[in-house]
């Protein structure tokens, strides 16, 4: 009977540890997905703004492209 109780206690401790670890990992994954979603939104807005600049002011778009190329060595 004592062995069965020991196995049950070890299984219970293992189950609690797994719940804690996956609960923590779930929070981290949720945070990373939120940050990825925010980055996607920012990239979309920047892309639309750049597209509008390239349509309405091609010279400014050319200057932006040249500026990005000259800063790529940093």
PDB file of N, CA and C in Angstrom:
ATOM      1  N   UNK A   1       0.814  -1.191   0.000  1.00  0.00           N
ATOM      2  CA  UNK A   1       0.000   0.000   0.000  1.00  0.00           C
ATOM      3  C   UNK A   1       0.861   1.261   0.000  1.00  0.00           C
ATOM      4  N   UNK A   2       1.987   1.202   0.691  1.00  0.00           N
ATOM      5  CA  UNK A   2       2.855   2.365   0.763  1.00  0.00           C
ATOM      6  C   UNK A   2       3.456   2.690  -0.607  1.00  0.00           C
ATOM      7  N   UNK A   3       3.771   1.691  -1.415  1.00  0.00           N
ATOM      8  CA  UNK A   3       4.330   1.901  -2.754  1.00  0.00           C
ATOM      9  C   UNK A   3       3.312   2.569  -3.663  1.00  0.00           C
ATOM     10  N   UNK A   4       2.077   2.167  -3.571  1.00  0.00           N
ATOM     11  CA  UNK A   4       1.019   2.760  -4.387  1.00  0.00           C
ATOM     12  C   UNK A   4       0.847   4.233  -4.024  1.00  0.00           C
ATOM     13  N   UNK A   5       0.908   4.544  -2.746  1.00  0.00           N
ATOM     14  CA  UNK A   5       0.779   5.933  -2.298  1.00  0.00           C
ATOM     15  C   UNK A   5       1.963   6.763  -2.779  1.00  0.00           C
ATOM     16  N   UNK A   6       3.156   6.200  -2.752  1.00  0.00           N
ATOM     17  CA  UNK A   6       4.349   6.904  -3.221  1.00  0.00           C
ATOM     18  C   UNK A   6       4.245   7.204  -4.711  1.00  0.00           C
ATOM     19  N   UNK A   7       3.809   6.230  -5.491  1.00  0.00           N
ATOM     20  CA  UNK A   7       3.640   6.426  -6.928  1.00  0.00           C
ATOM     21  C   UNK A   7       2.591   7.505  -7.194  1.00  0.00           C
ATOM     22  N   UNK A   8       1.515   7.501  -6.425  1.00  0.00           N
ATOM     23  CA  UNK A   8       0.457   8.499  -6.598  1.00  0.00           C
ATOM     24  C   UNK A   8       0.975   9.903  -6.272  1.00  0.00           C
ATOM     25  N   UNK A   9       1.758  10.039  -5.205  1.00  0.00           N
ATOM     26  CA  UNK A   9       2.308  11.339  -4.827  1.00  0.00           C
ATOM     27  C   UNK A   9       3.282  11.833  -5.889  1.00  0.00           C
ATOM     28  N   UNK A  10       4.151  10.962  -6.382  1.00  0.00           N
ATOM     29  CA  UNK A  10       5.106  11.342  -7.433  1.00  0.00           C
ATOM     30  C   UNK A  10       4.362  11.742  -8.699  1.00  0.00           C
ATOM     31  N   UNK A  11       3.323  11.003  -9.063  1.00  0.00           N
ATOM     32  CA  UNK A  11       2.538  11.338 -10.252  1.00  0.00           C
ATOM     33  C   UNK A  11       1.846  12.683 -10.080  1.00  0.00           C
ATOM     34  N   UNK A  12       1.329  12.953  -8.904  1.00  0.00           N
ATOM     35  CA  UNK A  12       0.667  14.229  -8.629  1.00  0.00           C
ATOM     36  C   UNK A  12       1.660  15.391  -8.707  1.00  0.00           C
ATOM     37  N   UNK A  13       2.840  15.215  -8.140  1.00  0.00           N
ATOM     38  CA  UNK A  13       3.872  16.260  -8.209  1.00  0.00           C
ATOM     39  C   UNK A  13       4.292  16.491  -9.660  1.00  0.00           C
ATOM     40  N   UNK A  14       4.457  15.421 -10.422  1.00  0.00           N
ATOM     41  CA  UNK A  14       4.798  15.552 -11.839  1.00  0.00           C
ATOM     42  C   UNK A  14       3.721  16.276 -12.621  1.00  0.00           C
ATOM     43  N   UNK A  15       2.473  15.961 -12.342  1.00  0.00           N
ATOM     44  CA  UNK A  15       1.350  16.613 -13.036  1.00  0.00           C
ATOM     45  C   UNK A  15       1.317  18.105 -12.733  1.00  0.00           C
ATOM     46  N   UNK A  16       1.531  18.471 -11.469  1.00  0.00           N
ATOM     47  CA  UNK A  16       1.551  19.889 -11.081  1.00  0.00           C
ATOM     48  C   UNK A  16       2.713  20.614 -11.758  1.00  0.00           C
ATOM     49  N   UNK A  17       3.881  19.976 -11.801  1.00  0.00           N
ATOM     50  CA  UNK A  17       5.042  20.581 -12.463  1.00  0.00           C
ATOM     51  C   UNK A  17       4.775  20.804 -13.951  1.00  0.00           C
ATOM     52  N   UNK A  18       4.167  19.837 -14.607  1.00  0.00           N
ATOM     53  CA  UNK A  18       3.852  19.980 -16.033  1.00  0.00           C
ATOM     54  C   UNK A  18       2.860  21.109 -16.249  1.00  0.00           C
ATOM     55  N   UNK A  19       1.856  21.225 -15.393  1.00  0.00           N
ATOM     56  CA  UNK A  19       0.871  22.312 -15.520  1.00  0.00           C
ATOM     57  C   UNK A  19       1.554  23.677 -15.354  1.00  0.00           C
ATOM     58  N   UNK A  20       2.466  23.776 -14.399  1.00  0.00           N
ATOM     59  CA  UNK A  20       3.160  25.046 -14.162  1.00  0.00           C
ATOM     60  C   UNK A  20       4.055  25.391 -15.355  1.00  0.00           C
ATOM     61  N   UNK A  21       4.831  24.424 -15.842  1.00  0.00           N
ATOM     62  CA  UNK A  21       5.753  24.679 -16.954  1.00  0.00           C
ATOM     63  C   UNK A  21       4.981  25.061 -18.211  1.00  0.00           C
ATOM     64  N   UNK A  22       3.945  24.314 -18.554  1.00  0.00           N
ATOM     65  CA  UNK A  22       3.201  24.639 -19.770  1.00  0.00           C
ATOM     66  C   UNK A  22       2.366  25.901 -19.612  1.00  0.00           C
ATOM     67  N   UNK A  23       1.938  26.207 -18.415  1.00  0.00           N
ATOM     68  CA  UNK A  23       1.243  27.467 -18.176  1.00  0.00           C
ATOM     69  C   UNK A  23       2.172  28.642 -18.400  1.00  0.00           C
ATOM     70  N   UNK A  24       3.398  28.547 -17.934  1.00  0.00           N
ATOM     71  CA  UNK A  24       4.392  29.590 -18.123  1.00  0.00           C
ATOM     72  C   UNK A  24       4.778  29.699 -19.595  1.00  0.00           C
ATOM     73  N   UNK A  25       5.001  28.555 -20.230  1.00  0.00           N
ATOM     74  CA  UNK A  25       5.373  28.550 -21.647  1.00  0.00           C
ATOM     75  C   UNK A  25       4.230  29.099 -22.501  1.00  0.00           C
ATOM     76  N   UNK A  26       3.000  28.817 -22.112  1.00  0.00           N
ATOM     77  CA  UNK A  26       1.854  29.347 -22.845  1.00  0.00           C
ATOM     78  C   UNK A  26       1.812  30.866 -22.791  1.00  0.00           C
ATOM     79  N   UNK A  27       2.142  31.428 -21.640  1.00  0.00           N
ATOM     80  CA  UNK A  27       2.191  32.880 -21.511  1.00  0.00           C
ATOM     81  C   UNK A  27       3.273  33.487 -22.380  1.00  0.00           C
ATOM     82  N   UNK A  28       4.432  32.848 -22.415  1.00  0.00           N
ATOM     83  CA  UNK A  28       5.540  33.332 -23.254  1.00  0.00           C
ATOM     84  C   UNK A  28       5.161  33.248 -24.726  1.00  0.00           C
ATOM     85  N   UNK A  29       4.558  32.143 -25.131  1.00  0.00           N
ATOM     86  CA  UNK A  29       4.147  31.982 -26.532  1.00  0.00           C
ATOM     87  C   UNK A  29       3.094  33.024 -26.888  1.00  0.00           C
ATOM     88  N   UNK A  30       2.160  33.281 -25.992  1.00  0.00           N
ATOM     89  CA  UNK A  30       1.151  34.305 -26.240  1.00  0.00           C
ATOM     90  C   UNK A  30       1.775  35.682 -26.400  1.00  0.00           C
ATOM     91  N   UNK A  31       2.758  36.001 -25.576  1.00  0.00           N
ATOM     92  CA  UNK A  31       3.453  37.284 -25.680  1.00  0.00           C
ATOM     93  C   UNK A  31       4.195  37.396 -26.999  1.00  0.00           C
ATOM     94  N   UNK A  32       4.873  36.332 -27.402  1.00  0.00           N
ATOM     95  CA  UNK A  32       5.605  36.360 -28.672  1.00  0.00           C
ATOM     96  C   UNK A  32       4.664  36.497 -29.866  1.00  0.00           C
ATOM     97  N   UNK A  33       3.532  35.823 -29.819  1.00  0.00           N
ATOM     98  CA  UNK A  33       2.564  35.954 -30.905  1.00  0.00           C
ATOM     99  C   UNK A  33       1.984  37.365 -30.961  1.00  0.00           C
ATOM    100  N   UNK A  34       1.762  37.976 -29.807  1.00  0.00           N
ATOM    101  CA  UNK A  34       1.274  39.355 -29.776  1.00  0.00           C
ATOM    102  C   UNK A  34       2.295  40.309 -30.389  1.00  0.00           C
ATOM    103  N   UNK A  35       3.560  40.109 -30.051  1.00  0.00           N
ATOM    104  CA  UNK A  35       4.606  40.956 -30.623  1.00  0.00           C
ATOM    105  C   UNK A  35       4.750  40.738 -32.127  1.00  0.00           C
ATOM    106  N   UNK A  36       4.612  39.500 -32.579  1.00  0.00           N
ATOM    107  CA  UNK A  36       4.681  39.224 -34.014  1.00  0.00           C
ATOM    108  C   UNK A  36       3.515  39.878 -34.748  1.00  0.00           C
ATOM    109  N   UNK A  37       2.329  39.849 -34.157  1.00  0.00           N
ATOM    110  CA  UNK A  37       1.152  40.483 -34.759  1.00  0.00           C
ATOM    111  C   UNK A  37       1.352  41.995 -34.843  1.00  0.00           C
ATOM    112  N   UNK A  38       1.928  42.589 -33.803  1.00  0.00           N
ATOM    113  CA  UNK A  38       2.210  44.028 -33.808  1.00  0.00           C
ATOM    114  C   UNK A  38       3.238  44.362 -34.891  1.00  0.00           C
ATOM    115  N   UNK A  39       4.272  43.548 -35.024  1.00  0.00           N
ATOM    116  CA  UNK A  39       5.283  43.782 -36.053  1.00  0.00           C
ATOM    117  C   UNK A  39       4.672  43.681 -37.448  1.00  0.00           C
ATOM    118  N   UNK A  40       3.760  42.745 -37.643  1.00  0.00           N
ATOM    119  CA  UNK A  40       3.090  42.611 -38.933  1.00  0.00           C
ATOM    120  C   UNK A  40       2.260  43.848 -39.248  1.00  0.00           C
ATOM    121  N   UNK A  41       1.548  44.370 -38.256  1.00  0.00           N
ATOM    122  CA  UNK A  41       0.748  45.575 -38.460  1.00  0.00           C
ATOM    123  C   UNK A  41       1.631  46.767 -38.812  1.00  0.00           C
ATOM    124  N   UNK A  42       2.741  46.921 -38.095  1.00  0.00           N
ATOM    125  CA  UNK A  42       3.657  48.030 -38.366  1.00  0.00           C
ATOM    126  C   UNK A  42       4.234  47.906 -39.772  1.00  0.00           C
ATOM    127  N   UNK A  43       4.646  46.706 -40.165  1.00  0.00           N
ATOM    128  CA  UNK A  43       5.196  46.499 -41.496  1.00  0.00           C
ATOM    129  C   UNK A  43       4.157  46.804 -42.572  1.00  0.00           C
ATOM    130  N   UNK A  44       2.912  46.441 -42.328  1.00  0.00           N
ATOM    131  CA  UNK A  44       1.850  46.719 -43.288  1.00  0.00           C
ATOM    132  C   UNK A  44       1.623  48.222 -43.442  1.00  0.00           C
ATOM    133  N   UNK A  45       1.584  48.943 -42.334  1.00  0.00           N
ATOM    134  CA  UNK A  45       1.384  50.396 -42.387  1.00  0.00           C
ATOM    135  C   UNK A  45       2.562  51.066 -43.091  1.00  0.00           C
ATOM    136  N   UNK A  46       3.782  50.664 -42.762  1.00  0.00           N
ATOM    137  CA  UNK A  46       4.964  51.248 -43.397  1.00  0.00           C
ATOM    138  C   UNK A  46       4.962  50.938 -44.892  1.00  0.00           C
ATOM    139  N   UNK A  47       4.574  49.736 -45.261  1.00  0.00           N
ATOM    140  CA  UNK A  47       4.511  49.378 -46.682  1.00  0.00           C
ATOM    141  C   UNK A  47       3.484  50.209 -47.434  1.00  0.00           C
ATOM    142  N   UNK A  48       2.329  50.423 -46.831  1.00  0.00           N
ATOM    143  CA  UNK A  48       1.295  51.235 -47.487  1.00  0.00           C
ATOM    144  C   UNK A  48       1.759  52.680 -47.619  1.00  0.00           C
ATOM    145  N   UNK A  49       2.387  53.215 -46.577  1.00  0.00           N
ATOM    146  CA  UNK A  49       2.896  54.594 -46.640  1.00  0.00           C
ATOM    147  C   UNK A  49       3.958  54.707 -47.724  1.00  0.00           C
ATOM    148  N   UNK A  50       4.866  53.747 -47.792  1.00  0.00           N
ATOM    149  CA  UNK A  50       5.907  53.780 -48.829  1.00  0.00           C
ATOM    150  C   UNK A  50       5.283  53.678 -50.224  1.00  0.00           C
ATOM    151  N   UNK A  51       4.285  52.827 -50.369  1.00  0.00           N
ATOM    152  CA  UNK A  51       3.623  52.689 -51.669  1.00  0.00           C
ATOM    153  C   UNK A  51       2.961  54.008 -52.065  1.00  0.00           C
ATOM    154  N   UNK A  52       2.285  54.657 -51.127  1.00  0.00           N
ATOM    155  CA  UNK A  52       1.664  55.949 -51.425  1.00  0.00           C
ATOM    156  C   UNK A  52       2.710  56.987 -51.804  1.00  0.00           C
ATOM    157  N   UNK A  53       3.835  56.991 -51.105  1.00  0.00           N
ATOM    158  CA  UNK A  53       4.907  57.935 -51.455  1.00  0.00           C
ATOM    159  C   UNK A  53       5.432  57.631 -52.842  1.00  0.00           C
ATOM    160  N   UNK A  54       5.592  56.350 -53.177  1.00  0.00           N
ATOM    161  CA  UNK A  54       6.124  56.004 -54.497  1.00  0.00           C
ATOM    162  C   UNK A  54       5.144  56.358 -55.612  1.00  0.00           C
ATOM    163  N   UNK A  55       3.842  56.342 -55.331  1.00  0.00           N
ATOM    164  CA  UNK A  55       2.853  56.701 -56.340  1.00  0.00           C
ATOM    165  C   UNK A  55       2.803  58.217 -56.524  1.00  0.00           C
ATOM    166  N   UNK A  56       2.764  58.950 -55.418  1.00  0.00           N
ATOM    167  CA  UNK A  56       2.553  60.388 -55.491  1.00  0.00           C
ATOM    168  C   UNK A  56       3.852  61.193 -55.545  1.00  0.00           C
ATOM    169  N   UNK A  57       4.974  60.634 -55.129  1.00  0.00           N
ATOM    170  CA  UNK A  57       6.242  61.353 -55.158  1.00  0.00           C
ATOM    171  C   UNK A  57       7.382  60.364 -55.417  1.00  0.00           C
ATOM    172  N   UNK A  58       7.570  59.950 -56.675  1.00  0.00           N
ATOM    173  CA  UNK A  58       8.605  58.954 -56.990  1.00  0.00           C
ATOM    174  C   UNK A  58      10.019  59.414 -56.610  1.00  0.00           C
ATOM    175  N   UNK A  59      10.280  60.713 -56.680  1.00  0.00           N
ATOM    176  CA  UNK A  59      11.605  61.211 -56.328  1.00  0.00           C
ATOM    177  C   UNK A  59      11.892  60.981 -54.835  1.00  0.00           C
ATOM    178  N   UNK A  60      10.895  61.222 -54.012  1.00  0.00           N
ATOM    179  CA  UNK A  60      11.060  60.980 -52.572  1.00  0.00           C
ATOM    180  C   UNK A  60      11.256  59.494 -52.298  1.00  0.00           C
ATOM    181  N   UNK A  61      10.526  58.644 -53.002  1.00  0.00           N
ATOM    182  CA  UNK A  61      10.686  57.201 -52.834  1.00  0.00           C
ATOM    183  C   UNK A  61      12.097  56.769 -53.231  1.00  0.00           C
ATOM    184  N   UNK A  62      12.631  57.360 -54.287  1.00  0.00           N
ATOM    185  CA  UNK A  62      14.004  57.051 -54.722  1.00  0.00           C
ATOM    186  C   UNK A  62      14.999  57.459 -53.636  1.00  0.00           C
ATOM    187  N   UNK A  63      14.784  58.626 -53.020  1.00  0.00           N
ATOM    188  CA  UNK A  63      15.665  59.087 -51.946  1.00  0.00           C
ATOM    189  C   UNK A  63      15.586  58.148 -50.741  1.00  0.00           C
ATOM    190  N   UNK A  64      14.400  57.656 -50.443  1.00  0.00           N
ATOM    191  CA  UNK A  64      14.242  56.709 -49.325  1.00  0.00           C
ATOM    192  C   UNK A  64      14.998  55.424 -49.625  1.00  0.00           C
ATOM    193  N   UNK A  65      14.856  54.905 -50.862  1.00  0.00           N
ATOM    194  CA  UNK A  65      15.572  53.678 -51.238  1.00  0.00           C
ATOM    195  C   UNK A  65      17.069  53.872 -51.140  1.00  0.00           C
ATOM    196  N   UNK A  66      17.569  55.003 -51.637  1.00  0.00           N
ATOM    197  CA  UNK A  66      19.008  55.268 -51.578  1.00  0.00           C
ATOM    198  C   UNK A  66      19.484  55.413 -50.138  1.00  0.00           C
ATOM    199  N   UNK A  67      18.663  56.043 -49.314  1.00  0.00           N
ATOM    200  CA  UNK A  67      19.016  56.175 -47.905  1.00  0.00           C
ATOM    201  C   UNK A  67      19.072  54.832 -47.199  1.00  0.00           C
ATOM    202  N   UNK A  68      18.175  53.930 -47.535  1.00  0.00           N
ATOM    203  CA  UNK A  68      18.176  52.604 -46.920  1.00  0.00           C
ATOM    204  C   UNK A  68      19.389  51.808 -47.396  1.00  0.00           C
ATOM    205  N   UNK A  69      19.765  51.959 -48.649  1.00  0.00           N
ATOM    206  CA  UNK A  69      20.937  51.232 -49.163  1.00  0.00           C
ATOM    207  C   UNK A  69      22.217  51.728 -48.532  1.00  0.00           C
ATOM    208  N   UNK A  70      22.344  53.032 -48.298  1.00  0.00           N
ATOM    209  CA  UNK A  70      23.571  53.568 -47.719  1.00  0.00           C
ATOM    210  C   UNK A  70      23.689  53.208 -46.240  1.00  0.00           C
ATOM    211  N   UNK A  71      22.579  52.956 -45.540  1.00  0.00           N
ATOM    212  CA  UNK A  71      22.621  52.604 -44.127  1.00  0.00           C
ATOM    213  C   UNK A  71      22.699  51.118 -43.888  1.00  0.00           C
ATOM    214  N   UNK A  72      22.711  50.304 -44.932  1.00  0.00           N
ATOM    215  CA  UNK A  72      22.702  48.851 -44.741  1.00  0.00           C
ATOM    216  C   UNK A  72      24.050  48.328 -44.223  1.00  0.00           C
ATOM    217  N   UNK A  73      25.115  49.122 -44.301  1.00  0.00           N
ATOM    218  CA  UNK A  73      26.420  48.685 -43.828  1.00  0.00           C
ATOM    219  C   UNK A  73      26.576  48.824 -42.322  1.00  0.00           C
ATOM    220  N   UNK A  74      25.640  49.458 -41.667  1.00  0.00           N
ATOM    221  CA  UNK A  74      25.740  49.675 -40.211  1.00  0.00           C
ATOM    222  C   UNK A  74      25.444  48.411 -39.468  1.00  0.00           C
TER     223      UNK A  74
END
